[in-house]
PDB file of all heavy atoms in Angstrom:
ATOM      1  N   VAL A   1      71.718 159.370  68.170  1.00  0.00           N
ATOM      2  CA  VAL A   1      70.395 159.970  68.045  1.00  0.00           C
ATOM      3  C   VAL A   1      69.378 158.871  67.745  1.00  0.00           C
ATOM      4  O   VAL A   1      69.623 158.018  66.891  1.00  0.00           O
ATOM      5  CB  VAL A   1      70.368 161.026  66.912  1.00  0.00           C
ATOM      6  CG1 VAL A   1      68.978 161.619  66.752  1.00  0.00           C
ATOM      7  CG2 VAL A   1      71.379 162.125  67.189  1.00  0.00           C
ATOM      8  N   ASN A   2      68.265 158.914  68.436  1.00  0.00           N
ATOM      9  CA  ASN A   2      67.212 157.929  68.223  1.00  0.00           C
ATOM     10  C   ASN A   2      66.675 158.067  66.798  1.00  0.00           C
ATOM     11  O   ASN A   2      66.348 159.167  66.348  1.00  0.00           O
ATOM     12  CB  ASN A   2      66.089 158.175  69.249  1.00  0.00           C
ATOM     13  CG  ASN A   2      65.036 157.091  69.225  1.00  0.00           C
ATOM     14  OD1 ASN A   2      64.722 156.524  68.187  1.00  0.00           O
ATOM     15  ND2 ASN A   2      64.480 156.816  70.384  1.00  0.00           N
ATOM     16  N   ILE A   3      66.586 156.946  66.076  1.00  0.00           N
ATOM     17  CA  ILE A   3      66.074 156.972  64.713  1.00  0.00           C
ATOM     18  C   ILE A   3      64.649 157.512  64.670  1.00  0.00           C
ATOM     19  O   ILE A   3      64.228 158.151  63.705  1.00  0.00           O
ATOM     20  CB  ILE A   3      66.133 155.556  64.080  1.00  0.00           C
ATOM     21  CG1 ILE A   3      65.729 155.596  62.607  1.00  0.00           C
ATOM     22  CG2 ILE A   3      65.246 154.582  64.866  1.00  0.00           C
ATOM     23  CD1 ILE A   3      66.654 156.382  61.736  1.00  0.00           C
ATOM     24  N   GLY A   4      63.904 157.281  65.757  1.00  0.00           N
ATOM     25  CA  GLY A   4      62.540 157.794  65.824  1.00  0.00           C
ATOM     26  C   GLY A   4      62.499 159.307  65.798  1.00  0.00           C
ATOM     27  O   GLY A   4      61.607 159.910  65.182  1.00  0.00           O
ATOM     28  N   ASP A   5      63.486 159.944  66.434  1.00  0.00           N
ATOM     29  CA  ASP A   5      63.559 161.411  66.428  1.00  0.00           C
ATOM     30  C   ASP A   5      63.856 161.934  65.025  1.00  0.00           C
ATOM     31  O   ASP A   5      63.306 162.955  64.599  1.00  0.00           O
ATOM     32  CB  ASP A   5      64.629 161.902  67.403  1.00  0.00           C
ATOM     33  CG  ASP A   5      64.282 161.608  68.844  1.00  0.00           C
ATOM     34  OD1 ASP A   5      63.076 161.469  69.135  1.00  0.00           O
ATOM     35  OD2 ASP A   5      65.192 161.503  69.673  1.00  0.00           O
ATOM     36  N   LEU A   6      64.730 161.244  64.299  1.00  0.00           N
ATOM     37  CA  LEU A   6      65.059 161.663  62.930  1.00  0.00           C
ATOM     38  C   LEU A   6      63.836 161.565  62.026  1.00  0.00           C
ATOM     39  O   LEU A   6      63.588 162.459  61.206  1.00  0.00           O
ATOM     40  CB  LEU A   6      66.195 160.798  62.375  1.00  0.00           C
ATOM     41  CG  LEU A   6      67.555 160.936  63.075  1.00  0.00           C
ATOM     42  CD1 LEU A   6      68.579 160.004  62.427  1.00  0.00           C
ATOM     43  CD2 LEU A   6      68.045 162.383  63.030  1.00  0.00           C
ATOM     44  N   TYR A   7      63.068 160.489  62.178  1.00  0.00           N
ATOM     45  CA  TYR A   7      61.835 160.349  61.408  1.00  0.00           C
ATOM     46  C   TYR A   7      60.863 161.484  61.743  1.00  0.00           C
ATOM     47  O   TYR A   7      60.214 162.054  60.858  1.00  0.00           O
ATOM     48  CB  TYR A   7      61.169 159.006  61.706  1.00  0.00           C
ATOM     49  CG  TYR A   7      61.775 157.826  60.990  1.00  0.00           C
ATOM     50  CD1 TYR A   7      62.068 156.650  61.676  1.00  0.00           C
ATOM     51  CD2 TYR A   7      62.038 157.876  59.623  1.00  0.00           C
ATOM     52  CE1 TYR A   7      62.620 155.550  61.019  1.00  0.00           C
ATOM     53  CE2 TYR A   7      62.599 156.790  58.962  1.00  0.00           C
ATOM     54  CZ  TYR A   7      62.878 155.626  59.667  1.00  0.00           C
ATOM     55  OH  TYR A   7      63.415 154.545  59.003  1.00  0.00           O
ATOM     56  N   THR A   8      60.748 161.802  63.036  1.00  0.00           N
ATOM     57  CA  THR A   8      59.814 162.845  63.468  1.00  0.00           C
ATOM     58  C   THR A   8      60.225 164.215  62.948  1.00  0.00           C
ATOM     59  O   THR A   8      59.375 165.027  62.553  1.00  0.00           O
ATOM     60  CB  THR A   8      59.707 162.878  65.004  1.00  0.00           C
ATOM     61  OG1 THR A   8      59.389 161.568  65.493  1.00  0.00           O
ATOM     62  CG2 THR A   8      58.616 163.838  65.450  1.00  0.00           C
ATOM     63  N   ILE A   9      61.528 164.489  62.930  1.00  0.00           N
ATOM     64  CA  ILE A   9      62.018 165.757  62.391  1.00  0.00           C
ATOM     65  C   ILE A   9      61.702 165.853  60.900  1.00  0.00           C
ATOM     66  O   ILE A   9      61.250 166.899  60.407  1.00  0.00           O
ATOM     67  CB  ILE A   9      63.537 165.898  62.616  1.00  0.00           C
ATOM     68  CG1 ILE A   9      63.832 166.035  64.113  1.00  0.00           C
ATOM     69  CG2 ILE A   9      64.085 167.108  61.875  1.00  0.00           C
ATOM     70  CD1 ILE A   9      65.310 165.960  64.451  1.00  0.00           C
ATOM     71  N   ALA A  10      61.924 164.752  60.178  1.00  0.00           N
ATOM     72  CA  ALA A  10      61.598 164.732  58.750  1.00  0.00           C
ATOM     73  C   ALA A  10      60.108 164.985  58.546  1.00  0.00           C
ATOM     74  O   ALA A  10      59.705 165.713  57.623  1.00  0.00           O
ATOM     75  CB  ALA A  10      61.993 163.381  58.136  1.00  0.00           C
ATOM     76  N   GLY A  11      59.289 164.415  59.414  1.00  0.00           N
ATOM     77  CA  GLY A  11      57.844 164.641  59.338  1.00  0.00           C
ATOM     78  C   GLY A  11      57.482 166.087  59.607  1.00  0.00           C
ATOM     79  O   GLY A  11      56.587 166.647  58.964  1.00  0.00           O
ATOM     80  N   ALA A  12      58.180 166.725  60.556  1.00  0.00           N
ATOM     81  CA  ALA A  12      57.916 168.128  60.886  1.00  0.00           C
ATOM     82  C   ALA A  12      58.239 169.034  59.704  1.00  0.00           C
ATOM     83  O   ALA A  12      57.519 169.999  59.424  1.00  0.00           O
ATOM     84  CB  ALA A  12      58.729 168.550  62.115  1.00  0.00           C
ATOM     85  N   VAL A  13      59.321 168.726  58.977  1.00  0.00           N
ATOM     86  CA  VAL A  13      59.693 169.509  57.793  1.00  0.00           C
ATOM     87  C   VAL A  13      58.621 169.373  56.716  1.00  0.00           C
ATOM     88  O   VAL A  13      58.172 170.362  56.119  1.00  0.00           O
ATOM     89  CB  VAL A  13      61.059 169.055  57.246  1.00  0.00           C
ATOM     90  CG1 VAL A  13      61.347 169.745  55.913  1.00  0.00           C
ATOM     91  CG2 VAL A  13      62.168 169.363  58.248  1.00  0.00           C
ATOM     92  N   ALA A  14      58.185 168.124  56.468  1.00  0.00           N
ATOM     93  CA  ALA A  14      57.159 167.887  55.448  1.00  0.00           C
ATOM     94  C   ALA A  14      55.841 168.553  55.838  1.00  0.00           C
ATOM     95  O   ALA A  14      55.148 169.129  54.991  1.00  0.00           O
ATOM     96  CB  ALA A  14      56.945 166.385  55.262  1.00  0.00           C
ATOM     97  N   PHE A  15      55.507 168.497  57.108  1.00  0.00           N
ATOM     98  CA  PHE A  15      54.259 169.110  57.563  1.00  0.00           C
ATOM     99  C   PHE A  15      54.321 170.627  57.458  1.00  0.00           C
ATOM    100  O   PHE A  15      53.308 171.277  57.195  1.00  0.00           O
ATOM    101  CB  PHE A  15      53.961 168.682  58.998  1.00  0.00           C
ATOM    102  CG  PHE A  15      52.579 169.008  59.450  1.00  0.00           C
ATOM    103  CD1 PHE A  15      51.471 168.433  58.848  1.00  0.00           C
ATOM    104  CD2 PHE A  15      52.349 169.917  60.480  1.00  0.00           C
ATOM    105  CE1 PHE A  15      50.185 168.745  59.243  1.00  0.00           C
ATOM    106  CE2 PHE A  15      51.076 170.235  60.888  1.00  0.00           C
ATOM    107  CZ  PHE A  15      49.983 169.645  60.275  1.00  0.00           C
ATOM    108  N   ALA A  16      55.506 171.208  57.677  1.00  0.00           N
ATOM    109  CA  ALA A  16      55.676 172.659  57.508  1.00  0.00           C
ATOM    110  C   ALA A  16      55.417 173.049  56.057  1.00  0.00           C
ATOM    111  O   ALA A  16      54.764 174.065  55.782  1.00  0.00           O
ATOM    112  CB  ALA A  16      57.083 173.072  57.939  1.00  0.00           C
ATOM    113  N   VAL A  17      55.914 172.238  55.120  1.00  0.00           N
ATOM    114  CA  VAL A  17      55.659 172.484  53.693  1.00  0.00           C
ATOM    115  C   VAL A  17      54.164 172.434  53.419  1.00  0.00           C
ATOM    116  O   VAL A  17      53.616 173.273  52.691  1.00  0.00           O
ATOM    117  CB  VAL A  17      56.397 171.450  52.820  1.00  0.00           C
ATOM    118  CG1 VAL A  17      55.998 171.601  51.350  1.00  0.00           C
ATOM    119  CG2 VAL A  17      57.904 171.597  52.977  1.00  0.00           C
ATOM    120  N   TYR A  18      53.498 171.456  54.013  1.00  0.00           N
ATOM    121  CA  TYR A  18      52.051 171.306  53.826  1.00  0.00           C
ATOM    122  C   TYR A  18      51.299 172.556  54.297  1.00  0.00           C
ATOM    123  O   TYR A  18      50.439 173.084  53.586  1.00  0.00           O
ATOM    124  CB  TYR A  18      51.562 170.079  54.592  1.00  0.00           C
ATOM    125  CG  TYR A  18      50.061 170.024  54.789  1.00  0.00           C
ATOM    126  CD1 TYR A  18      49.211 169.686  53.737  1.00  0.00           C
ATOM    127  CD2 TYR A  18      49.499 170.331  56.026  1.00  0.00           C
ATOM    128  CE1 TYR A  18      47.841 169.652  53.912  1.00  0.00           C
ATOM    129  CE2 TYR A  18      48.136 170.295  56.210  1.00  0.00           C
ATOM    130  CZ  TYR A  18      47.302 169.950  55.154  1.00  0.00           C
ATOM    131  OH  TYR A  18      45.945 169.929  55.331  1.00  0.00           O
ATOM    132  N   LEU A  19      51.615 173.051  55.489  1.00  0.00           N
ATOM    133  CA  LEU A  19      50.920 174.223  56.025  1.00  0.00           C
ATOM    134  C   LEU A  19      51.151 175.465  55.170  1.00  0.00           C
ATOM    135  O   LEU A  19      50.234 176.265  54.960  1.00  0.00           O
ATOM    136  CB  LEU A  19      51.374 174.484  57.464  1.00  0.00           C
ATOM    137  CG  LEU A  19      50.860 173.525  58.538  1.00  0.00           C
ATOM    138  CD1 LEU A  19      51.468 173.879  59.893  1.00  0.00           C
ATOM    139  CD2 LEU A  19      49.350 173.547  58.620  1.00  0.00           C
ATOM    140  N   ILE A  20      52.363 175.624  54.672  1.00  0.00           N
ATOM    141  CA  ILE A  20      52.666 176.773  53.815  1.00  0.00           C
ATOM    142  C   ILE A  20      51.881 176.689  52.515  1.00  0.00           C
ATOM    143  O   ILE A  20      51.337 177.684  52.011  1.00  0.00           O
ATOM    144  CB  ILE A  20      54.180 176.850  53.533  1.00  0.00           C
ATOM    145  CG1 ILE A  20      54.938 177.192  54.820  1.00  0.00           C
ATOM    146  CG2 ILE A  20      54.472 177.897  52.459  1.00  0.00           C
ATOM    147  CD1 ILE A  20      56.447 177.129  54.685  1.00  0.00           C
ATOM    148  N   LYS A  21      51.794 175.483  51.940  1.00  0.00           N
ATOM    149  CA  LYS A  21      51.036 175.291  50.704  1.00  0.00           C
ATOM    150  C   LYS A  21      49.540 175.535  50.927  1.00  0.00           C
ATOM    151  O   LYS A  21      48.860 176.113  50.071  1.00  0.00           O
ATOM    152  CB  LYS A  21      51.263 173.879  50.149  1.00  0.00           C
ATOM    153  CG  LYS A  21      52.613 173.696  49.461  1.00  0.00           C
ATOM    154  CD  LYS A  21      52.726 172.333  48.831  1.00  0.00           C
ATOM    155  CE  LYS A  21      53.970 172.221  47.977  1.00  0.00           C
ATOM    156  NZ  LYS A  21      53.931 173.124  46.796  1.00  0.00           N
ATOM    157  N   VAL A  22      49.014 175.080  52.066  1.00  0.00           N
ATOM    158  CA  VAL A  22      47.602 175.324  52.378  1.00  0.00           C
ATOM    159  C   VAL A  22      47.336 176.817  52.467  1.00  0.00           C
ATOM    160  O   VAL A  22      46.340 177.321  51.937  1.00  0.00           O
ATOM    161  CB  VAL A  22      47.202 174.631  53.705  1.00  0.00           C
ATOM    162  CG1 VAL A  22      45.824 175.111  54.166  1.00  0.00           C
ATOM    163  CG2 VAL A  22      47.178 173.122  53.518  1.00  0.00           C
ATOM    164  N   GLU A  23      48.226 177.547  53.145  1.00  0.00           N
ATOM    165  CA  GLU A  23      48.073 178.999  53.262  1.00  0.00           C
ATOM    166  C   GLU A  23      48.075 179.657  51.890  1.00  0.00           C
ATOM    167  O   GLU A  23      47.252 180.529  51.598  1.00  0.00           O
ATOM    168  CB  GLU A  23      49.199 179.565  54.119  1.00  0.00           C
ATOM    169  CG  GLU A  23      49.123 181.076  54.290  1.00  0.00           C
ATOM    170  CD  GLU A  23      50.327 181.631  55.020  1.00  0.00           C
ATOM    171  OE1 GLU A  23      51.464 181.316  54.637  1.00  0.00           O
ATOM    172  OE2 GLU A  23      50.132 182.391  55.980  1.00  0.00           O
ATOM    173  N   THR A  24      48.978 179.223  51.016  1.00  0.00           N
ATOM    174  CA  THR A  24      49.093 179.799  49.676  1.00  0.00           C
ATOM    175  C   THR A  24      47.829 179.564  48.859  1.00  0.00           C
ATOM    176  O   THR A  24      47.290 180.483  48.233  1.00  0.00           O
ATOM    177  CB  THR A  24      50.305 179.206  48.939  1.00  0.00           C
ATOM    178  OG1 THR A  24      51.499 179.466  49.699  1.00  0.00           O
ATOM    179  CG2 THR A  24      50.440 179.819  47.555  1.00  0.00           C
ATOM    180  N   HIS A  25      47.334 178.335  48.853  1.00  0.00           N
ATOM    181  CA  HIS A  25      46.155 177.995  48.059  1.00  0.00           C
ATOM    182  C   HIS A  25      44.878 178.608  48.630  1.00  0.00           C
ATOM    183  O   HIS A  25      43.978 178.998  47.877  1.00  0.00           O
ATOM    184  CB  HIS A  25      45.989 176.478  47.977  1.00  0.00           C
ATOM    185  CG  HIS A  25      46.988 175.799  47.089  1.00  0.00           C
ATOM    186  ND1 HIS A  25      47.041 176.007  45.728  1.00  0.00           N
ATOM    187  CD2 HIS A  25      47.998 174.932  47.372  1.00  0.00           C
ATOM    188  CE1 HIS A  25      48.016 175.284  45.198  1.00  0.00           C
ATOM    189  NE2 HIS A  25      48.617 174.624  46.180  1.00  0.00           N
ATOM    190  N   SER A  26      44.795 178.712  49.952  1.00  0.00           N
ATOM    191  CA  SER A  26      43.566 179.216  50.571  1.00  0.00           C
ATOM    192  C   SER A  26      43.357 180.701  50.327  1.00  0.00           C
ATOM    193  O   SER A  26      42.249 181.215  50.488  1.00  0.00           O
ATOM    194  CB  SER A  26      43.591 178.934  52.083  1.00  0.00           C
ATOM    195  OG  SER A  26      44.648 179.628  52.716  1.00  0.00           O
ATOM    196  N   ARG A  27      44.399 181.419  49.925  1.00  0.00           N
ATOM    197  CA  ARG A  27      44.260 182.848  49.647  1.00  0.00           C
ATOM    198  C   ARG A  27      43.455 183.112  48.385  1.00  0.00           C
ATOM    199  O   ARG A  27      42.800 184.150  48.261  1.00  0.00           O
ATOM    200  CB  ARG A  27      45.645 183.485  49.503  1.00  0.00           C
ATOM    201  CG  ARG A  27      46.440 183.594  50.806  1.00  0.00           C
ATOM    202  CD  ARG A  27      47.850 184.062  50.511  1.00  0.00           C
ATOM    203  NE  ARG A  27      48.646 184.210  51.731  1.00  0.00           N
ATOM    204  CZ  ARG A  27      49.958 184.415  51.737  1.00  0.00           C
ATOM    205  NH1 ARG A  27      50.605 184.519  50.591  1.00  0.00           N
ATOM    206  NH2 ARG A  27      50.611 184.528  52.879  1.00  0.00           N
ATOM    207  N   SER A  28      43.507 182.172  47.430  1.00  0.00           N
ATOM    208  CA  SER A  28      42.901 182.417  46.130  1.00  0.00           C
ATOM    209  C   SER A  28      41.690 181.551  45.821  1.00  0.00           C
ATOM    210  O   SER A  28      41.023 181.769  44.812  1.00  0.00           O
ATOM    211  CB  SER A  28      43.950 182.197  45.023  1.00  0.00           C
ATOM    212  OG  SER A  28      44.464 180.877  45.086  1.00  0.00           O
ATOM    213  N   LYS A  29      41.387 180.569  46.679  1.00  0.00           N
ATOM    214  CA  LYS A  29      40.277 179.666  46.363  1.00  0.00           C
ATOM    215  C   LYS A  29      39.665 179.095  47.629  1.00  0.00           C
ATOM    216  O   LYS A  29      40.248 179.178  48.718  1.00  0.00           O
ATOM    217  CB  LYS A  29      40.768 178.534  45.470  1.00  0.00           C
ATOM    218  CG  LYS A  29      41.757 177.605  46.131  1.00  0.00           C
ATOM    219  CD  LYS A  29      42.388 176.629  45.144  1.00  0.00           C
ATOM    220  CE  LYS A  29      43.388 177.336  44.260  1.00  0.00           C
ATOM    221  NZ  LYS A  29      44.148 176.400  43.402  1.00  0.00           N
TER     222      LYS A  29
END
């Protein structure tokens, strides 16, 4: 597996966390 793909997958997971947190915070403020 290309190491670049593994880095990108890790980035996708972190970015998913970011979007969920933005949704959570934007509901109340």
